[in-house]
Amino acid sequence: MAKRKKQEAVLSAEKSKVIEHIVEGETIAEAARLADVQPADVETWLQSDAVFVAGLNVRQQDQHRANVGRLRSLAGQAVETLGDLLQSESESVRLKAATVVLKSVSLSEVKEPIGSTVAKKIEHDWAQQRVFDFW
């Protein structure tokens, strides 16, 4: 937790705003506009500012965990509803409910965002990539 606070403290207000807008689902261009910065600046940060990338990764991972927690809290109610719908007199309703149940089984394959949240690690990875790109 202390590392996250320290990283957030070194991000400027505009970078923090861009991160929040990206996490909320805005495009890079829209996040830049809303934070009153140029999209090219955001692209530069994404390519060369490890602290910015780490901060973005932290927020995306936090958001993912929050979303998964919320979905899990709704799962019981959803399963009951699907169970009820599977007993419907309407064949099309039963078919749609059955389809949802079958598709849900594959949700365990959804991956959590895994980018590093440590700026030094991101810088190290970038440096290694530049060496490999050189050869």
Protein backbone atom coordinates (compact mmCIF):
# COMPACT_ATOMS: atom_id res chain seq x y z
CA MET A 1 0.00 0.00 0.00
CA ALA A 2 2.84 2.42 0.82
CA LYS A 3 4.41 1.89 -2.61
CA ARG A 4 1.13 2.76 -4.31
CA LYS A 5 0.75 5.95 -2.29
CA LYS A 6 4.33 6.94 -3.14
CA GLN A 7 3.78 6.33 -6.88
CA GLU A 8 0.52 8.27 -6.88
CA ALA A 9 2.25 11.18 -5.14
CA VAL A 10 4.77 11.59 -7.98
CA LEU A 11 2.09 11.70 -10.69
CA SER A 12 1.00 15.17 -11.72
CA ALA A 13 -2.67 16.09 -11.42
CA GLU A 14 -3.05 15.96 -15.21
CA LYS A 15 -1.50 12.47 -15.42
CA SER A 16 -3.74 11.27 -12.61
CA LYS A 17 -6.78 12.66 -14.43
CA VAL A 18 -5.78 10.93 -17.66
CA ILE A 19 -5.37 7.64 -15.79
CA GLU A 20 -8.80 7.95 -14.20
CA HIS A 21 -10.45 8.68 -17.56
CA ILE A 22 -8.70 5.73 -19.22
CA VAL A 23 -9.76 3.43 -16.38
CA GLU A 24 -13.32 4.71 -16.77
CA GLY A 25 -13.22 3.52 -20.38
CA GLU A 26 -12.40 6.68 -22.30
CA THR A 27 -10.15 6.54 -25.35
CA ILE A 28 -6.67 8.01 -25.14
CA ALA A 29 -7.84 11.01 -27.18
CA GLU A 30 -10.92 11.58 -25.01
CA ALA A 31 -8.98 11.09 -21.76
CA ALA A 32 -6.45 13.66 -22.97
CA ARG A 33 -9.18 16.12 -23.92
CA LEU A 34 -10.93 15.73 -20.56
CA ALA A 35 -7.63 16.25 -18.71
CA ASP A 36 -6.76 19.23 -20.92
CA VAL A 37 -3.58 17.70 -22.35
CA GLN A 38 -2.54 16.71 -25.84
CA PRO A 39 -3.14 13.10 -26.96
CA ALA A 40 0.49 13.01 -28.17
CA ASP A 41 1.60 13.71 -24.59
CA VAL A 42 -0.41 10.74 -23.33
CA GLU A 43 1.10 8.53 -26.05
CA THR A 44 4.57 9.71 -24.99
CA TRP A 45 3.81 8.92 -21.34
CA LEU A 46 2.62 5.44 -22.34
CA GLN A 47 5.88 4.81 -24.20
CA SER A 48 8.45 6.44 -21.96
CA ASP A 49 7.07 7.35 -18.51
CA ALA A 50 7.33 4.21 -16.40
CA VAL A 51 5.76 5.90 -13.36
CA PHE A 52 2.72 6.83 -15.47
CA VAL A 53 2.43 3.28 -16.86
CA ALA A 54 2.82 1.78 -13.39
CA GLY A 55 0.13 4.12 -12.04
CA LEU A 56 -2.19 3.18 -14.90
CA ASN A 57 -1.55 -0.52 -14.29
CA VAL A 58 -2.28 -0.12 -10.57
CA ARG A 59 -5.62 1.59 -11.29
CA GLN A 60 -6.60 -0.93 -13.97
CA GLN A 61 -5.83 -3.82 -11.65
CA ASP A 62 -7.72 -2.17 -8.77
CA GLN A 63 -10.70 -1.55 -11.06
CA HIS A 64 -10.60 -5.13 -12.31
CA ARG A 65 -10.59 -6.50 -8.76
CA ALA A 66 -13.47 -4.21 -7.79
CA ASN A 67 -15.48 -5.29 -10.84
CA VAL A 68 -14.84 -8.97 -10.15
CA GLY A 69 -15.89 -8.49 -6.53
CA ARG A 70 -19.09 -6.75 -7.58
CA LEU A 71 -19.90 -9.47 -10.11
CA ARG A 72 -19.26 -12.16 -7.52
CA SER A 73 -21.63 -10.44 -5.12
CA LEU A 74 -24.34 -10.53 -7.82
CA ALA A 75 -23.65 -14.10 -8.91
CA GLY A 76 -26.01 -15.78 -6.46
CA GLN A 77 -28.94 -13.63 -7.52
CA ALA A 78 -28.10 -14.15 -11.20
CA VAL A 79 -27.93 -17.92 -10.79
CA GLU A 80 -31.33 -17.95 -9.06
CA THR A 81 -32.81 -15.84 -11.86
CA LEU A 82 -31.38 -18.13 -14.52
CA GLY A 83 -32.70 -21.13 -12.64
CA ASP A 84 -36.16 -19.58 -12.63
CA LEU A 85 -35.92 -18.74 -16.33
CA LEU A 86 -34.91 -22.29 -17.17
CA GLN A 87 -38.32 -23.33 -15.82
CA SER A 88 -40.20 -20.82 -17.98
CA GLU A 89 -43.10 -21.97 -20.11
CA SER A 90 -41.60 -20.09 -23.05
CA GLU A 91 -39.21 -22.23 -25.05
CA SER A 92 -37.31 -19.16 -26.33
CA VAL A 93 -36.81 -17.88 -22.76
CA ARG A 94 -35.52 -21.29 -21.66
CA LEU A 95 -33.18 -21.44 -24.65
CA LYS A 96 -31.78 -17.95 -23.96
CA ALA A 97 -31.28 -18.79 -20.26
CA ALA A 98 -29.57 -22.06 -21.14
CA THR A 99 -27.29 -20.24 -23.58
CA VAL A 100 -26.29 -17.76 -20.88
CA VAL A 101 -25.53 -20.56 -18.44
CA LEU A 102 -23.36 -22.37 -20.98
CA LYS A 103 -21.48 -19.22 -21.96
CA SER A 104 -20.92 -18.40 -18.29
CA VAL A 105 -18.94 -21.55 -17.79
CA SER A 106 -16.15 -20.11 -19.95
CA LEU A 107 -15.90 -16.86 -17.90
CA SER A 108 -13.12 -18.40 -15.86
CA GLU A 109 -10.89 -17.89 -18.90
CA VAL A 110 -11.07 -14.06 -18.60
CA LYS A 111 -7.61 -12.80 -17.66
CA GLU A 112 -6.77 -10.19 -15.03
CA PRO A 113 -4.63 -7.27 -16.25
CA ILE A 114 -1.04 -8.19 -15.37
CA GLY A 115 1.19 -5.23 -16.31
CA SER A 116 3.83 -4.32 -13.76
CA THR A 117 2.91 -1.72 -11.17
CA VAL A 118 6.56 -0.94 -10.36
CA ALA A 119 8.13 1.84 -12.43
CA LYS A 120 11.68 0.49 -12.05
CA LYS A 121 10.55 -2.91 -13.42
CA ILE A 122 8.86 -1.23 -16.40
CA GLU A 123 12.03 0.77 -17.11
CA HIS A 124 14.11 -2.42 -16.86
CA ASP A 125 11.77 -4.27 -19.24
CA TRP A 126 11.89 -1.38 -21.71
CA ALA A 127 15.70 -1.29 -21.57
CA GLN A 128 15.85 -5.04 -22.23
CA GLN A 129 13.46 -4.66 -25.15
CA ARG A 130 15.61 -1.91 -26.65
CA VAL A 131 18.66 -4.23 -26.44
CA PHE A 132 16.72 -7.03 -28.16
CA ASP A 133 15.37 -4.62 -30.78
CA PHE A 134 18.92 -3.44 -31.48
CA TRP A 135 20.09 -6.98 -32.30
